[in-house]
PDB file of N, CA and C in Angstrom:
ATOM      1  N   MET A   1       3.135 -25.308  12.069  1.00  0.00           N
ATOM      2  CA  MET A   1       2.609 -24.830  12.867  1.00  0.00           C
ATOM      3  C   MET A   1       2.257 -22.969  12.454  1.00  0.00           C
ATOM      4  N   SER A   2       1.451 -23.068  11.269  1.00  0.00           N
ATOM      5  CA  SER A   2       1.284 -21.480  11.342  1.00  0.00           C
ATOM      6  C   SER A   2       0.520 -20.458  12.167  1.00  0.00           C
ATOM      7  N   ALA A   3       1.361 -19.585  12.560  1.00  0.00           N
ATOM      8  CA  ALA A   3       0.951 -18.322  12.924  1.00  0.00           C
ATOM      9  C   ALA A   3       0.674 -16.948  12.802  1.00  0.00           C
ATOM     10  N   THR A   4      -0.320 -16.356  12.692  1.00  0.00           N
ATOM     11  CA  THR A   4      -0.943 -14.863  12.759  1.00  0.00           C
ATOM     12  C   THR A   4       0.192 -13.950  13.805  1.00  0.00           C
ATOM     13  N   VAL A   5       1.479 -12.917  13.000  1.00  0.00           N
ATOM     14  CA  VAL A   5       2.029 -11.989  13.934  1.00  0.00           C
ATOM     15  C   VAL A   5       1.608 -10.933  14.115  1.00  0.00           C
ATOM     16  N   ARG A   6       1.381 -10.558  14.462  1.00  0.00           N
ATOM     17  CA  ARG A   6       0.384  -8.817  14.917  1.00  0.00           C
ATOM     18  C   ARG A   6       1.790  -7.350  14.545  1.00  0.00           C
ATOM     19  N   ARG A   7       1.653  -6.902  13.312  1.00  0.00           N
ATOM     20  CA  ARG A   7       2.756  -5.793  13.512  1.00  0.00           C
ATOM     21  C   ARG A   7       3.694  -5.453  14.604  1.00  0.00           C
ATOM     22  N   TRP A   8       4.725  -4.740  15.034  1.00  0.00           N
ATOM     23  CA  TRP A   8       5.375  -4.303  15.929  1.00  0.00           C
ATOM     24  C   TRP A   8       5.763  -3.072  15.727  1.00  0.00           C
ATOM     25  N   PRO A   9       5.503  -1.913  16.112  1.00  0.00           N
ATOM     26  CA  PRO A   9       4.578  -1.649  17.206  1.00  0.00           C
ATOM     27  C   PRO A   9       3.052  -1.586  16.650  1.00  0.00           C
ATOM     28  N   PRO A  10       1.766  -1.810  17.863  1.00  0.00           N
ATOM     29  CA  PRO A  10       0.689  -2.135  17.442  1.00  0.00           C
ATOM     30  C   PRO A  10       0.824  -0.164  16.845  1.00  0.00           C
ATOM     31  N   TRP A  11       0.157  -0.027  15.384  1.00  0.00           N
ATOM     32  CA  TRP A  11      -0.442   1.172  15.095  1.00  0.00           C
ATOM     33  C   TRP A  11      -0.870   1.855  15.113  1.00  0.00           C
ATOM     34  N   THR A  12      -0.688   2.895  16.055  1.00  0.00           N
ATOM     35  CA  THR A  12      -1.888   4.056  16.313  1.00  0.00           C
ATOM     36  C   THR A  12      -1.285   5.393  16.189  1.00  0.00           C
ATOM     37  N   ALA A  13      -2.174   6.342  16.688  1.00  0.00           N
ATOM     38  CA  ALA A  13      -2.186   7.448  16.162  1.00  0.00           C
ATOM     39  C   ALA A  13      -0.975   8.234  17.091  1.00  0.00           C
ATOM     40  N   GLU A  14      -0.538   7.497  18.512  1.00  0.00           N
ATOM     41  CA  GLU A  14       0.673   7.526  19.023  1.00  0.00           C
ATOM     42  C   GLU A  14       2.123   7.289  18.635  1.00  0.00           C
ATOM     43  N   VAL A  15       2.403   7.231  17.373  1.00  0.00           N
ATOM     44  CA  VAL A  15       3.552   6.127  16.674  1.00  0.00           C
ATOM     45  C   VAL A  15       4.585   6.806  17.180  1.00  0.00           C
ATOM     46  N   SER A  16       5.133   8.002  17.329  1.00  0.00           N
ATOM     47  CA  SER A  16       6.106   8.418  18.260  1.00  0.00           C
ATOM     48  C   SER A  16       6.220   7.932  19.896  1.00  0.00           C
ATOM     49  N   GLY A  17       5.354   7.633  20.310  1.00  0.00           N
ATOM     50  CA  GLY A  17       5.590   6.773  21.656  1.00  0.00           C
ATOM     51  C   GLY A  17       5.564   5.333  21.429  1.00  0.00           C
ATOM     52  N   HIS A  18       5.655   5.401  20.903  1.00  0.00           N
ATOM     53  CA  HIS A  18       5.923   2.782  19.979  1.00  0.00           C
ATOM     54  C   HIS A  18       7.431   3.395  20.026  1.00  0.00           C
ATOM     55  N   ALA A  19       7.566   4.495  18.980  1.00  0.00           N
ATOM     56  CA  ALA A  19       8.914   4.545  18.792  1.00  0.00           C
ATOM     57  C   ALA A  19      10.143   4.577  19.593  1.00  0.00           C
ATOM     58  N   ALA A  20       9.770   5.584  20.494  1.00  0.00           N
ATOM     59  CA  ALA A  20      10.111   5.522  21.819  1.00  0.00           C
ATOM     60  C   ALA A  20      10.893   5.103  23.161  1.00  0.00           C
ATOM     61  N   ASP A  21       9.549   3.455  22.630  1.00  0.00           N
ATOM     62  CA  ASP A  21       9.541   2.868  23.567  1.00  0.00           C
ATOM     63  C   ASP A  21      10.334   1.844  22.941  1.00  0.00           C
ATOM     64  N   PHE A  22      10.009   1.411  21.333  1.00  0.00           N
ATOM     65  CA  PHE A  22      11.185   0.914  20.401  1.00  0.00           C
ATOM     66  C   PHE A  22      12.279   0.955  20.722  1.00  0.00           C
ATOM     67  N   ALA A  23      12.846   2.124  20.823  1.00  0.00           N
ATOM     68  CA  ALA A  23      13.929   2.753  20.933  1.00  0.00           C
ATOM     69  C   ALA A  23      14.978   2.025  22.187  1.00  0.00           C
ATOM     70  N   ARG A  24      13.340   2.384  23.894  1.00  0.00           N
ATOM     71  CA  ARG A  24      14.726   1.939  24.439  1.00  0.00           C
ATOM     72  C   ARG A  24      14.702   0.186  25.239  1.00  0.00           C
ATOM     73  N   ARG A  25      13.978  -0.202  24.739  1.00  0.00           N
ATOM     74  CA  ARG A  25      13.504  -2.387  24.058  1.00  0.00           C
ATOM     75  C   ARG A  25      14.834  -2.459  23.260  1.00  0.00           C
ATOM     76  N   VAL A  26      15.011  -2.039  22.120  1.00  0.00           N
ATOM     77  CA  VAL A  26      16.795  -2.091  21.599  1.00  0.00           C
ATOM     78  C   VAL A  26      18.037  -1.844  22.165  1.00  0.00           C
ATOM     79  N   ASP A  27      17.979  -0.535  23.049  1.00  0.00           N
ATOM     80  CA  ASP A  27      19.144  -0.320  24.150  1.00  0.00           C
ATOM     81  C   ASP A  27      19.198  -1.212  25.046  1.00  0.00           C
ATOM     82  N   ALA A  28      18.450  -1.916  25.593  1.00  0.00           N
ATOM     83  CA  ALA A  28      17.784  -2.897  27.052  1.00  0.00           C
ATOM     84  C   ALA A  28      18.453  -4.253  26.011  1.00  0.00           C
ATOM     85  N   ALA A  29      18.330  -4.634  24.521  1.00  0.00           N
ATOM     86  CA  ALA A  29      19.006  -5.646  23.986  1.00  0.00           C
ATOM     87  C   ALA A  29      19.930  -5.489  23.599  1.00  0.00           C
ATOM     88  N   ALA A  30      21.016  -4.893  24.084  1.00  0.00           N
ATOM     89  CA  ALA A  30      22.573  -4.325  23.568  1.00  0.00           C
ATOM     90  C   ALA A  30      22.227  -3.680  21.547  1.00  0.00           C
ATOM     91  N   GLY A  31      21.522  -3.329  21.274  1.00  0.00           N
ATOM     92  CA  GLY A  31      20.958  -2.508  20.194  1.00  0.00           C
ATOM     93  C   GLY A  31      20.357  -4.245  19.348  1.00  0.00           C
ATOM     94  N   ASP A  32      20.120  -5.081  19.859  1.00  0.00           N
ATOM     95  CA  ASP A  32      19.364  -6.365  18.796  1.00  0.00           C
ATOM     96  C   ASP A  32      18.036  -6.123  18.991  1.00  0.00           C
ATOM     97  N   ALA A  33      17.895  -5.685  17.657  1.00  0.00           N
ATOM     98  CA  ALA A  33      15.977  -5.343  17.250  1.00  0.00           C
ATOM     99  C   ALA A  33      15.222  -7.039  17.595  1.00  0.00           C
ATOM    100  N   THR A  34      15.591  -7.879  16.450  1.00  0.00           N
ATOM    101  CA  THR A  34      15.263  -8.704  16.643  1.00  0.00           C
ATOM    102  C   THR A  34      15.177  -9.617  18.288  1.00  0.00           C
ATOM    103  N   ALA A  35      16.233  -9.330  19.002  1.00  0.00           N
ATOM    104  CA  ALA A  35      15.728 -10.012  20.802  1.00  0.00           C
ATOM    105  C   ALA A  35      14.817  -8.971  21.364  1.00  0.00           C
ATOM    106  N   ALA A  36      15.148  -7.672  20.672  1.00  0.00           N
ATOM    107  CA  ALA A  36      13.781  -6.455  21.537  1.00  0.00           C
ATOM    108  C   ALA A  36      12.693  -6.560  21.365  1.00  0.00           C
ATOM    109  N   ILE A  37      12.302  -6.823  20.472  1.00  0.00           N
ATOM    110  CA  ILE A  37      10.846  -7.900  19.526  1.00  0.00           C
ATOM    111  C   ILE A  37      10.237  -8.429  19.660  1.00  0.00           C
ATOM    112  N   HIS A  38      11.255  -9.817  19.846  1.00  0.00           N
ATOM    113  CA  HIS A  38      10.900 -11.509  20.552  1.00  0.00           C
ATOM    114  C   HIS A  38      10.372 -11.088  21.774  1.00  0.00           C
ATOM    115  N   GLN A  39      11.454 -10.324  22.628  1.00  0.00           N
ATOM    116  CA  GLN A  39      11.157 -10.106  24.324  1.00  0.00           C
ATOM    117  C   GLN A  39       9.636  -9.590  24.114  1.00  0.00           C
ATOM    118  N   TRP A  40       9.184  -8.419  23.607  1.00  0.00           N
ATOM    119  CA  TRP A  40       7.634  -7.915  23.078  1.00  0.00           C
ATOM    120  C   TRP A  40       6.627  -9.004  22.626  1.00  0.00           C
ATOM    121  N   LEU A  41       7.151  -9.757  22.056  1.00  0.00           N
ATOM    122  CA  LEU A  41       5.748 -10.966  21.203  1.00  0.00           C
ATOM    123  C   LEU A  41       5.549 -11.945  22.574  1.00  0.00           C
ATOM    124  N   VAL A  42       6.780 -12.129  23.574  1.00  0.00           N
ATOM    125  CA  VAL A  42       6.511 -13.293  24.165  1.00  0.00           C
ATOM    126  C   VAL A  42       5.814 -11.956  25.867  1.00  0.00           C
ATOM    127  N   GLU A  43       6.143 -11.269  26.008  1.00  0.00           N
ATOM    128  CA  GLU A  43       5.208 -10.296  27.056  1.00  0.00           C
ATOM    129  C   GLU A  43       3.985 -10.250  26.821  1.00  0.00           C
ATOM    130  N   THR A  44       3.697  -9.771  25.619  1.00  0.00           N
ATOM    131  CA  THR A  44       2.003  -9.363  24.846  1.00  0.00           C
ATOM    132  C   THR A  44       1.764 -10.654  24.561  1.00  0.00           C
ATOM    133  N   GLY A  45       2.385 -12.241  24.890  1.00  0.00           N
ATOM    134  CA  GLY A  45       0.914 -13.544  25.009  1.00  0.00           C
ATOM    135  C   GLY A  45       1.269 -13.674  23.462  1.00  0.00           C
ATOM    136  N   ARG A  46       2.284 -12.895  22.328  1.00  0.00           N
ATOM    137  CA  ARG A  46       1.800 -13.303  20.906  1.00  0.00           C
ATOM    138  C   ARG A  46       2.881 -14.638  20.531  1.00  0.00           C
ATOM    139  N   ILE A  47       4.385 -15.021  20.829  1.00  0.00           N
ATOM    140  CA  ILE A  47       4.244 -15.861  20.996  1.00  0.00           C
ATOM    141  C   ILE A  47       5.416 -16.500  21.969  1.00  0.00           C
ATOM    142  N   ARG A  48       5.552 -18.090  21.933  1.00  0.00           N
ATOM    143  CA  ARG A  48       6.026 -18.643  22.988  1.00  0.00           C
ATOM    144  C   ARG A  48       7.530 -18.346  22.827  1.00  0.00           C
ATOM    145  N   PRO A  49       7.927 -18.605  24.362  1.00  0.00           N
ATOM    146  CA  PRO A  49       9.516 -18.096  24.461  1.00  0.00           C
ATOM    147  C   PRO A  49      10.090 -18.783  23.961  1.00  0.00           C
ATOM    148  N   ASP A  50       9.991 -19.542  23.397  1.00  0.00           N
ATOM    149  CA  ASP A  50      11.014 -20.492  22.669  1.00  0.00           C
ATOM    150  C   ASP A  50      10.943 -20.392  21.054  1.00  0.00           C
ATOM    151  N   ALA A  51       9.847 -19.561  21.382  1.00  0.00           N
ATOM    152  CA  ALA A  51       9.861 -19.419  19.208  1.00  0.00           C
ATOM    153  C   ALA A  51      10.943 -18.837  18.792  1.00  0.00           C
ATOM    154  N   HIS A  52      11.409 -19.037  17.896  1.00  0.00           N
ATOM    155  CA  HIS A  52      12.422 -18.017  16.814  1.00  0.00           C
ATOM    156  C   HIS A  52      11.802 -17.378  15.303  1.00  0.00           C
ATOM    157  N   ILE A  53      12.542 -15.769  16.174  1.00  0.00           N
ATOM    158  CA  ILE A  53      12.112 -15.367  14.750  1.00  0.00           C
ATOM    159  C   ILE A  53      13.183 -15.268  13.331  1.00  0.00           C
ATOM    160  N   ILE A  54      12.148 -16.423  12.214  1.00  0.00           N
ATOM    161  CA  ILE A  54      13.537 -16.310  11.170  1.00  0.00           C
ATOM    162  C   ILE A  54      13.731 -15.199  10.244  1.00  0.00           C
ATOM    163  N   HIS A  55      12.437 -14.472   9.831  1.00  0.00           N
ATOM    164  CA  HIS A  55      12.597 -12.801   9.524  1.00  0.00           C
ATOM    165  C   HIS A  55      12.510 -11.425  10.438  1.00  0.00           C
ATOM    166  N   LEU A  56      13.258 -11.072   9.880  1.00  0.00           N
ATOM    167  CA  LEU A  56      12.376  -9.438  11.023  1.00  0.00           C
ATOM    168  C   LEU A  56      12.399  -8.817   9.492  1.00  0.00           C
ATOM    169  N   GLU A  57      11.370  -7.669   9.379  1.00  0.00           N
ATOM    170  CA  GLU A  57      11.184  -6.665   8.064  1.00  0.00           C
ATOM    171  C   GLU A  57      11.761  -5.164   9.291  1.00  0.00           C
ATOM    172  N   VAL A  58      12.167  -4.515   8.868  1.00  0.00           N
ATOM    173  CA  VAL A  58      12.383  -2.809   9.617  1.00  0.00           C
ATOM    174  C   VAL A  58      11.860  -2.254   8.366  1.00  0.00           C
ATOM    175  N   ARG A  59      11.207  -1.737   8.194  1.00  0.00           N
ATOM    176  CA  ARG A  59      11.055  -0.211   7.176  1.00  0.00           C
ATOM    177  C   ARG A  59      11.425   0.960   8.058  1.00  0.00           C
ATOM    178  N   THR A  60      11.758   1.433   8.528  1.00  0.00           N
ATOM    179  CA  THR A  60      12.375   2.643   8.585  1.00  0.00           C
ATOM    180  C   THR A  60      13.049   2.178  10.134  1.00  0.00           C
ATOM    181  N   TRP A  61      13.996   3.059  10.030  1.00  0.00           N
ATOM    182  CA  TRP A  61      15.388   2.778  10.847  1.00  0.00           C
ATOM    183  C   TRP A  61      16.644   4.081  10.470  1.00  0.00           C
ATOM    184  N   ARG A  62      16.638   4.513  11.677  1.00  0.00           N
ATOM    185  CA  ARG A  62      17.611   6.243  11.685  1.00  0.00           C
ATOM    186  C   ARG A  62      18.281   6.121  12.667  1.00  0.00           C
ATOM    187  N   ALA A  63      19.460   5.865  12.373  1.00  0.00           N
ATOM    188  CA  ALA A  63      21.419   5.280  13.368  1.00  0.00           C
ATOM    189  C   ALA A  63      20.809   6.585  14.835  1.00  0.00           C
ATOM    190  N   ARG A  64      21.584   5.773  15.737  1.00  0.00           N
ATOM    191  CA  ARG A  64      21.615   7.728  16.954  1.00  0.00           C
ATOM    192  C   ARG A  64      23.133   7.627  16.755  1.00  0.00           C
TER     193      ARG A  64
END
């Protein structure tokens, strides 16, 4: 089965707010960006809870 998954976060003019939300989600997932994005995709109905993310590309990242 093929599915189209939208980029996360959904890019708008308020990117900084999305970045802060992403940072909170990654922190809550013990630093696991894939788990954080998976949880967001499940919460928003974009994937099923049993789906597996097999590839994740993070375009920018700044270590804290």
